[in-house]
Amino acid sequence: MSWFLKVKEGIRFDRNELAGSFGDIGTDFPLITAMILVADLDAASVLIMFGVMQILTGLAYGLPMPAQPLKAVAAIVLTQKISSGVLYGGGLAIGVVMLVLTLTGLTNWLAASVPKVVVRGIQFGLGLQLATLAASEYIPSEGVMGYLLAGLAFAITITLLGNRRIPPALLVILLGMVFALIFKVEVGVLTRNIGLALPAPHLPEASEIWTGFLVLALAQIPLSLGNSILATHQVASDLFPRKAPSIRKISLTYSTMNLVNPFLSGIPTCHGSGGIVGHYTFGARTGGSVLLYGLLYLVLGLFFSNAFNEVIHFFPQPVLGVILAFEGIGLMLLVRDVAESDGSFMLVLLVGIMAITLPYGYLLGLVVGTLLFYSGHRTAVGLDVESSED
């Protein structure tokens, strides 16, 4: 109990924490929505459990470090039409594998072995991927009206970014909701479908776990090691050097979330460097933003999941695209501390480009970048940066 109170004392709730709580919604909400619709998932279960994971993470860390959907898993589910059972089985397999890697000390060994410049390359690749996705898919999704909406959201954000009195994310989200009420949402349908819902229990079968391991876990684990563990630890150390959690703690909470979610029909979740940067960029400095973010999904799942097809309109993709773009830019800007050396910057670019262009790119970028760093030629090309170990 004393540990809980100690963490709770460091959590704030103010306009900046509220604004920061929307800093990662551009990544999360479209993926969650797509998975619910494509894989025919129970909306109440997905939204409630995602909210619960946010709240528990906010309490555990006291930092703006949210939970996120697993991106490789989401991509496979959406492109290959994976069933809900295999999704839950894959989530459980991922949780077990990550727990084993943590308890055996392999995640700590990896953190000590991978150079900081390679981690920066992974972050750069992810940031570029997010910004490109925002520009190519989210912002154009509503046609001319979407471009106008995104343009206004961009103008608000660029004008007020960093303003602690008037955080831009609140105005941008409000703009999207006003747009939805005028052009998209049928208020009558929304109000008629308000009602209490609870998560649906699910017991993964052995075949679902094995198939999920082969189809989902093997694709996700490399990305998780690079972004969810190493890059998340690095960003937390960058932004909160006195409060940065250990590699072991990040790995343990990652695995725990995925050992719980499948049994209550929740999607697999992780931590992510982009999530921290998104919340921080839009004003958050404590776990209050994560608690507020979790409360949003909890309320949507408990009371509005029966009207999910109307609720999704409140967050127009052009608006989410602007938020996502700034999250991506924030990630890319982290390379500034290794950009003084031409060789280091070239390695960052190489790892980043490999990560987003090649199959299993994050794994290849991690391995190839590390090998290049430790090769006998690194001094000749100027790779004189420090290891990622703090």
Protein backbone atom coordinates (compact mmCIF):
# COMPACT_ATOMS: atom_id res chain seq x y z
CA MET A 1 0.00 0.00 0.00
CA SER A 2 2.85 2.41 0.81
CA TRP A 3 4.29 1.83 -2.69
CA PHE A 4 0.92 2.67 -4.26
CA LEU A 5 0.59 5.88 -2.25
CA LYS A 6 4.14 6.90 -3.11
CA VAL A 7 3.44 6.56 -6.83
CA LYS A 8 0.06 8.23 -6.51
CA GLU A 9 1.58 11.31 -4.83
CA GLY A 10 3.65 12.01 -7.96
CA ILE A 11 0.62 12.03 -10.28
CA ARG A 12 -1.01 15.30 -11.32
CA PHE A 13 -4.32 16.06 -12.99
CA ASP A 14 -4.39 19.41 -14.78
CA ARG A 15 -4.99 20.83 -18.24
CA ASN A 16 -1.56 19.77 -19.46
CA GLU A 17 -1.97 16.20 -18.27
CA LEU A 18 -5.39 16.15 -19.95
CA ALA A 19 -3.92 17.55 -23.18
CA GLY A 20 -1.03 15.09 -23.06
CA SER A 21 -3.45 12.19 -22.62
CA PHE A 22 -4.38 12.59 -26.29
CA GLY A 23 -0.76 12.50 -27.45
CA ASP A 24 -0.85 8.85 -28.50
CA ILE A 25 -4.45 8.57 -29.65
CA GLY A 26 -3.40 9.01 -33.28
CA THR A 27 -1.52 5.72 -33.06
CA ASP A 28 -3.90 3.75 -30.86
CA PHE A 29 -7.45 4.58 -31.83
CA PRO A 30 -7.28 3.78 -35.56
CA LEU A 31 -5.56 0.43 -34.88
CA ILE A 32 -8.04 -0.51 -32.16
CA THR A 33 -10.99 0.48 -34.34
CA ALA A 34 -9.70 -1.45 -37.34
CA MET A 35 -9.02 -4.61 -35.32
CA ILE A 36 -12.48 -4.53 -33.74
CA LEU A 37 -14.15 -4.21 -37.13
CA VAL A 38 -11.94 -6.56 -39.16
CA ALA A 39 -11.51 -9.36 -36.61
CA ASP A 40 -15.07 -8.96 -35.26
CA LEU A 41 -13.82 -8.42 -31.71
CA ASP A 42 -16.08 -7.56 -28.80
CA ALA A 43 -15.82 -3.75 -28.63
CA ALA A 44 -16.65 -3.58 -24.93
CA SER A 45 -13.92 -6.07 -23.99
CA VAL A 46 -11.27 -4.42 -26.14
CA LEU A 47 -12.00 -0.87 -24.95
CA ILE A 48 -12.39 -1.77 -21.27
CA MET A 49 -9.24 -3.87 -21.08
CA PHE A 50 -7.23 -1.28 -23.01
CA GLY A 51 -8.41 1.33 -20.52
CA VAL A 52 -7.57 -0.90 -17.57
CA MET A 53 -4.04 -1.47 -18.90
CA GLN A 54 -3.54 2.29 -19.21
CA ILE A 55 -4.67 2.91 -15.65
CA LEU A 56 -2.51 0.15 -14.19
CA THR A 57 0.51 1.36 -16.19
CA GLY A 58 -0.02 4.95 -15.05
CA LEU A 59 -0.15 3.82 -11.42
CA ALA A 60 2.83 1.49 -11.78
CA TYR A 61 5.17 4.09 -13.28
CA GLY A 62 3.82 7.52 -12.38
CA LEU A 63 5.13 8.65 -15.78
CA PRO A 64 3.42 9.43 -19.09
CA MET A 65 4.18 5.93 -20.37
CA PRO A 66 0.97 4.52 -21.87
CA ALA A 67 0.10 1.07 -23.10
CA GLN A 68 -0.25 0.63 -26.86
CA PRO A 69 -1.61 -2.01 -29.26
CA LEU A 70 1.09 -4.30 -30.62
CA LYS A 71 1.74 -2.87 -34.08
CA ALA A 72 3.08 -5.95 -35.87
CA VAL A 73 0.21 -8.01 -34.46
CA ALA A 74 -2.29 -5.38 -35.58
CA ALA A 75 -0.82 -5.29 -39.10
CA ILE A 76 -1.05 -9.08 -39.47
CA VAL A 77 -4.58 -9.19 -38.07
CA LEU A 78 -5.71 -6.51 -40.51
CA THR A 79 -3.97 -7.85 -43.62
CA GLN A 80 -4.46 -11.59 -43.08
CA LYS A 81 -7.88 -11.48 -41.35
CA ILE A 82 -6.67 -13.39 -38.28
CA SER A 83 -9.46 -14.76 -36.05
CA SER A 84 -10.07 -13.43 -32.56
CA GLY A 85 -9.06 -16.77 -30.99
CA VAL A 86 -5.66 -16.74 -32.67
CA LEU A 87 -5.23 -13.09 -31.68
CA TYR A 88 -5.81 -13.92 -28.01
CA GLY A 89 -3.63 -17.03 -28.24
CA GLY A 90 -0.86 -15.01 -29.85
CA GLY A 91 -1.10 -12.39 -27.12
CA LEU A 92 -0.70 -15.08 -24.46
CA ALA A 93 2.28 -16.58 -26.31
CA ILE A 94 3.92 -13.16 -26.49
CA GLY A 95 3.38 -12.67 -22.76
CA VAL A 96 4.98 -16.02 -21.95
CA VAL A 97 7.99 -15.47 -24.24
CA MET A 98 8.64 -12.00 -22.87
CA LEU A 99 8.37 -13.28 -19.30
CA VAL A 100 10.98 -15.96 -20.04
CA LEU A 101 13.30 -13.41 -21.68
CA THR A 102 12.93 -11.15 -18.64
CA LEU A 103 13.43 -13.77 -15.94
CA THR A 104 16.48 -15.22 -17.68
CA GLY A 105 18.08 -11.78 -17.90
CA LEU A 106 18.18 -11.76 -21.71
CA THR A 107 16.42 -8.39 -21.99
CA ASN A 108 19.02 -6.85 -19.66
CA TRP A 109 21.82 -8.40 -21.69
CA LEU A 110 20.29 -7.01 -24.87
CA ALA A 111 20.04 -3.54 -23.36
CA ALA A 112 23.71 -3.65 -22.36
CA SER A 113 24.79 -4.88 -25.80
CA VAL A 114 22.87 -2.63 -28.20
CA PRO A 115 24.54 0.79 -28.71
CA LYS A 116 22.57 3.95 -28.09
CA VAL A 117 23.02 5.05 -31.70
CA VAL A 118 21.22 1.89 -32.89
CA VAL A 119 18.34 2.56 -30.50
CA ARG A 120 18.17 6.07 -31.93
CA GLY A 121 17.96 4.51 -35.39
CA ILE A 122 14.98 2.40 -34.33
CA GLN A 123 13.30 5.50 -32.90
CA PHE A 124 14.03 7.46 -36.06
CA GLY A 125 12.55 4.70 -38.21
CA LEU A 126 9.41 4.50 -36.09
CA GLY A 127 9.01 8.28 -36.10
CA LEU A 128 9.38 8.41 -39.88
CA GLN A 129 6.89 5.56 -40.23
CA LEU A 130 4.31 7.34 -38.06
CA ALA A 131 4.71 10.70 -39.82
CA THR A 132 4.46 9.05 -43.24
CA LEU A 133 1.34 7.12 -42.22
CA ALA A 134 -0.25 10.33 -41.00
CA ALA A 135 0.49 12.19 -44.23
CA SER A 136 -0.37 9.40 -46.65
CA GLU A 137 -3.45 7.80 -45.08
CA TYR A 138 -4.97 9.65 -42.14
CA ILE A 139 -4.99 13.26 -43.33
CA PRO A 140 -6.42 12.56 -46.84
CA SER A 141 -9.13 10.22 -45.51
CA GLU A 142 -11.94 12.81 -45.62
CA GLY A 143 -11.05 14.34 -48.98
CA VAL A 144 -10.99 18.11 -49.32
CA MET A 145 -12.78 18.56 -46.01
CA GLY A 146 -10.16 16.39 -44.35
CA TYR A 147 -7.32 18.52 -45.66
CA LEU A 148 -9.04 21.66 -44.37
CA LEU A 149 -9.65 20.05 -40.99
CA ALA A 150 -6.05 18.84 -40.78
CA GLY A 151 -4.75 22.24 -41.88
CA LEU A 152 -6.64 23.99 -39.10
CA ALA A 153 -5.51 21.36 -36.56
CA PHE A 154 -1.91 21.78 -37.73
CA ALA A 155 -2.10 25.58 -37.43
CA ILE A 156 -3.45 25.29 -33.87
CA THR A 157 -0.76 22.80 -32.90
CA ILE A 158 2.21 24.61 -34.39
CA THR A 159 1.06 27.91 -32.85
CA LEU A 160 0.45 26.59 -29.34
CA LEU A 161 2.89 23.67 -29.06
CA GLY A 162 4.68 23.99 -25.74
CA ASN A 163 2.13 26.45 -24.36
CA ARG A 164 1.33 25.33 -20.80
CA ARG A 165 -1.67 27.66 -20.41
CA ILE A 166 -3.44 26.69 -23.63
CA PRO A 167 -2.32 23.16 -24.61
CA PRO A 168 -3.04 22.63 -28.32
CA ALA A 169 -4.23 19.02 -28.07
CA LEU A 170 -7.40 20.03 -26.22
CA LEU A 171 -8.39 22.47 -28.98
CA VAL A 172 -7.49 19.96 -31.71
CA ILE A 173 -9.58 17.18 -30.14
CA LEU A 174 -12.45 19.61 -29.57
CA LEU A 175 -12.22 20.66 -33.21
CA GLY A 176 -12.57 17.04 -34.30
CA MET A 177 -15.57 16.48 -32.05
CA VAL A 178 -17.35 19.58 -33.34
CA PHE A 179 -16.70 18.41 -36.90
CA ALA A 180 -18.11 14.98 -36.03
CA LEU A 181 -21.27 16.39 -34.41
CA ILE A 182 -21.96 18.56 -37.46
CA PHE A 183 -21.16 16.09 -40.24
CA LYS A 184 -20.88 12.53 -38.93
CA VAL A 185 -22.59 11.55 -35.68
CA GLU A 186 -26.27 10.63 -35.41
CA VAL A 187 -26.96 11.75 -31.85
CA GLY A 188 -30.21 9.78 -31.65
CA VAL A 189 -28.47 6.51 -32.51
CA LEU A 190 -25.74 7.27 -30.00
CA THR A 191 -28.06 8.01 -27.09
CA ARG A 192 -30.35 5.05 -27.76
CA ASN A 193 -27.45 2.62 -27.54
CA ILE A 194 -25.94 3.80 -24.24
CA GLY A 195 -25.82 0.90 -21.78
CA LEU A 196 -23.56 -1.00 -19.39
CA ALA A 197 -21.26 -3.68 -20.84
CA LEU A 198 -18.53 -5.83 -19.31
CA PRO A 199 -15.53 -7.76 -20.72
CA ALA A 200 -16.24 -11.22 -22.09
CA PRO A 201 -14.14 -14.04 -20.59
CA HIS A 202 -12.12 -16.18 -23.00
CA LEU A 203 -10.02 -19.30 -22.43
CA PRO A 204 -7.43 -19.64 -25.21
CA GLU A 205 -7.11 -23.15 -26.63
CA ALA A 206 -3.77 -24.87 -27.16
CA SER A 207 -4.17 -24.67 -30.96
CA GLU A 208 -4.84 -20.91 -30.77
CA ILE A 209 -1.75 -20.35 -28.63
CA TRP A 210 0.49 -22.37 -30.96
CA THR A 211 -0.89 -20.75 -34.12
CA GLY A 212 -0.66 -17.33 -32.49
CA PHE A 213 2.97 -17.99 -31.57
CA LEU A 214 3.89 -18.92 -35.15
CA VAL A 215 1.85 -16.26 -36.93
CA LEU A 216 1.94 -13.33 -34.49
CA ALA A 217 4.56 -13.73 -31.76
CA LEU A 218 7.52 -14.47 -34.03
CA ALA A 219 6.79 -11.30 -36.02
CA GLN A 220 6.11 -9.12 -32.98
CA ILE A 221 8.89 -10.04 -30.53
CA PRO A 222 11.78 -8.40 -32.50
CA LEU A 223 9.83 -5.14 -32.81
CA SER A 224 8.95 -5.31 -29.11
CA LEU A 225 12.55 -5.83 -28.05
CA GLY A 226 13.69 -2.88 -30.15
CA ASN A 227 10.89 -0.38 -29.53
CA SER A 228 8.81 -1.51 -26.55
CA ILE A 229 11.81 -2.35 -24.36
CA LEU A 230 15.06 -0.72 -25.51
CA ALA A 231 13.68 2.44 -27.12
CA THR A 232 11.10 2.95 -24.37
CA HIS A 233 13.81 2.69 -21.73
CA GLN A 234 15.99 5.12 -23.66
CA VAL A 235 13.21 7.71 -24.07
CA ALA A 236 12.21 7.43 -20.41
CA SER A 237 15.88 7.98 -19.49
CA ASP A 238 16.06 10.98 -21.84
CA LEU A 239 12.94 12.71 -20.55
CA PHE A 240 12.87 11.55 -16.92
CA PRO A 241 16.47 10.68 -15.98
CA ARG A 242 15.72 10.55 -12.24
CA LYS A 243 12.60 8.41 -12.60
CA ALA A 244 13.45 6.16 -15.53
CA PRO A 245 12.28 2.58 -14.93
CA SER A 246 14.61 -0.36 -15.35
CA ILE A 247 14.67 -2.65 -18.37
CA ARG A 248 13.47 -5.47 -16.12
CA LYS A 249 10.43 -3.55 -14.89
CA ILE A 250 9.42 -2.50 -18.40
CA SER A 251 9.75 -6.10 -19.60
CA LEU A 252 7.77 -7.45 -16.66
CA THR A 253 4.83 -5.08 -17.08
CA TYR A 254 4.86 -5.76 -20.83
CA SER A 255 4.62 -9.52 -20.26
CA THR A 256 2.06 -9.19 -17.44
CA MET A 257 -0.34 -7.20 -19.62
CA ASN A 258 -0.29 -9.95 -22.23
CA LEU A 259 -0.72 -12.69 -19.66
CA VAL A 260 -3.94 -11.00 -18.49
CA ASN A 261 -5.53 -9.53 -21.64
CA PRO A 262 -6.34 -12.78 -23.50
CA PHE A 263 -8.50 -14.13 -20.68
CA LEU A 264 -10.81 -11.10 -20.84
CA SER A 265 -10.86 -10.67 -24.64
CA GLY A 266 -8.42 -7.76 -24.64
CA ILE A 267 -6.01 -7.10 -27.49
CA PRO A 268 -2.25 -7.62 -26.95
CA THR A 269 -0.58 -4.48 -25.62
CA CYS A 270 2.92 -3.12 -25.07
CA HIS A 271 4.81 -0.02 -24.06
CA GLY A 272 6.34 2.18 -26.72
CA SER A 273 8.76 5.05 -27.12
CA GLY A 274 6.27 6.84 -29.35
CA GLY A 275 3.66 6.79 -26.62
CA ILE A 276 5.91 8.54 -24.13
CA VAL A 277 6.99 11.10 -26.70
CA GLY A 278 3.40 11.74 -27.78
CA HIS A 279 2.15 12.36 -24.23
CA TYR A 280 5.21 14.46 -23.40
CA THR A 281 5.02 16.52 -26.61
CA PHE A 282 1.47 17.61 -25.86
CA GLY A 283 2.13 18.55 -22.24
CA ALA A 284 2.12 15.49 -19.95
CA ARG A 285 4.77 15.15 -17.26
CA THR A 286 3.27 12.53 -14.91
CA GLY A 287 1.20 9.35 -15.02
CA GLY A 288 -1.93 11.49 -14.71
CA SER A 289 -2.15 11.68 -18.49
CA VAL A 290 -2.13 7.89 -18.76
CA LEU A 291 -4.82 7.54 -16.10
CA LEU A 292 -7.03 10.05 -17.93
CA TYR A 293 -6.37 8.31 -21.23
CA GLY A 294 -7.33 4.98 -19.71
CA LEU A 295 -10.47 6.49 -18.23
CA LEU A 296 -11.55 7.58 -21.71
CA TYR A 297 -11.41 4.00 -23.04
CA LEU A 298 -12.95 2.61 -19.86
CA VAL A 299 -15.97 4.90 -20.15
CA LEU A 300 -16.32 4.20 -23.88
CA GLY A 301 -16.22 0.46 -23.27
CA LEU A 302 -18.48 0.35 -20.23
CA PHE A 303 -21.21 2.64 -21.54
CA PHE A 304 -20.80 3.38 -25.27
CA SER A 305 -19.54 0.14 -26.84
CA ASN A 306 -22.99 -0.68 -28.23
CA ALA A 307 -22.78 2.55 -30.20
CA PHE A 308 -19.19 1.98 -31.28
CA ASN A 309 -19.88 2.77 -34.94
CA GLU A 310 -21.02 6.25 -33.91
CA VAL A 311 -18.34 6.81 -31.26
CA ILE A 312 -15.49 6.36 -33.74
CA HIS A 313 -16.63 9.45 -35.65
CA PHE A 314 -15.74 11.69 -32.70
CA PHE A 315 -12.07 11.20 -33.55
CA PRO A 316 -11.75 12.07 -37.27
CA GLN A 317 -8.69 10.60 -38.93
CA PRO A 318 -7.37 13.94 -40.28
CA VAL A 319 -7.22 15.25 -36.70
CA LEU A 320 -5.62 12.04 -35.44
CA GLY A 321 -3.16 12.30 -38.33
CA VAL A 322 -1.92 15.70 -37.17
CA ILE A 323 -1.38 14.39 -33.62
CA LEU A 324 0.34 11.31 -35.03
CA ALA A 325 2.61 13.43 -37.25
CA PHE A 326 3.84 15.48 -34.29
CA GLU A 327 4.44 12.30 -32.32
CA GLY A 328 6.56 10.99 -35.20
CA ILE A 329 8.48 14.25 -35.50
CA GLY A 330 9.16 14.18 -31.76
CA LEU A 331 10.66 10.72 -32.09
CA MET A 332 12.85 11.70 -35.02
CA LEU A 333 14.18 14.74 -33.16
CA LEU A 334 15.64 12.49 -30.48
CA VAL A 335 18.57 11.73 -32.80
CA ARG A 336 20.00 15.19 -32.13
CA ASP A 337 22.26 13.89 -29.38
CA VAL A 338 24.07 11.53 -31.79
CA ALA A 339 23.98 13.74 -34.88
CA GLU A 340 27.27 15.55 -34.25
CA SER A 341 29.23 12.69 -35.80
CA ASP A 342 28.62 12.04 -39.50
CA GLY A 343 29.23 8.34 -39.04
CA SER A 344 26.77 8.09 -36.16
CA PHE A 345 24.09 9.94 -38.09
CA MET A 346 24.64 7.67 -41.10
CA LEU A 347 24.16 4.63 -38.89
CA VAL A 348 20.95 6.13 -37.46
CA LEU A 349 19.63 6.64 -40.99
CA LEU A 350 20.67 3.15 -42.07
CA VAL A 351 18.97 1.46 -39.10
CA GLY A 352 15.86 3.61 -39.49
CA ILE A 353 15.50 2.94 -43.21
CA MET A 354 16.06 -0.80 -42.72
CA ALA A 355 13.44 -0.83 -39.95
CA ILE A 356 10.65 0.55 -42.11
CA THR A 357 11.48 -0.88 -45.54
CA LEU A 358 12.57 -4.50 -45.00
CA PRO A 359 10.66 -7.57 -43.79
CA TYR A 360 11.46 -7.95 -40.09
CA GLY A 361 13.17 -4.60 -40.54
CA TYR A 362 13.35 -3.71 -36.85
CA LEU A 363 15.15 -6.97 -36.10
CA LEU A 364 17.50 -6.55 -39.06
CA GLY A 365 18.20 -2.94 -38.16
CA LEU A 366 18.95 -3.93 -34.58
CA VAL A 367 21.31 -6.75 -35.57
CA VAL A 368 23.05 -5.10 -38.53
CA GLY A 369 23.41 -1.76 -36.76
CA THR A 370 24.92 -3.39 -33.69
CA LEU A 371 27.35 -5.45 -35.79
CA LEU A 372 28.45 -2.37 -37.70
CA PHE A 373 28.95 -0.44 -34.48
CA TYR A 374 31.16 -3.13 -32.97
CA SER A 375 33.02 -3.92 -36.18
CA GLY A 376 36.66 -3.00 -36.46
CA HIS A 377 35.78 -0.20 -38.90
CA ARG A 378 33.59 1.89 -36.62
CA THR A 379 36.34 4.36 -35.68
CA ALA A 380 37.19 4.93 -39.31
CA VAL A 381 33.63 5.89 -40.13
CA GLY A 382 33.16 8.01 -37.03
CA LEU A 383 30.87 5.75 -34.99
CA ASP A 384 32.06 7.10 -31.68
CA VAL A 385 28.86 7.08 -29.65
CA GLU A 386 28.17 5.54 -26.29
CA SER A 387 26.41 2.28 -25.55
CA SER A 388 22.70 2.39 -24.71
CA GLU A 389 23.45 1.09 -21.23
CA ASP A 390 23.01 3.82 -18.60
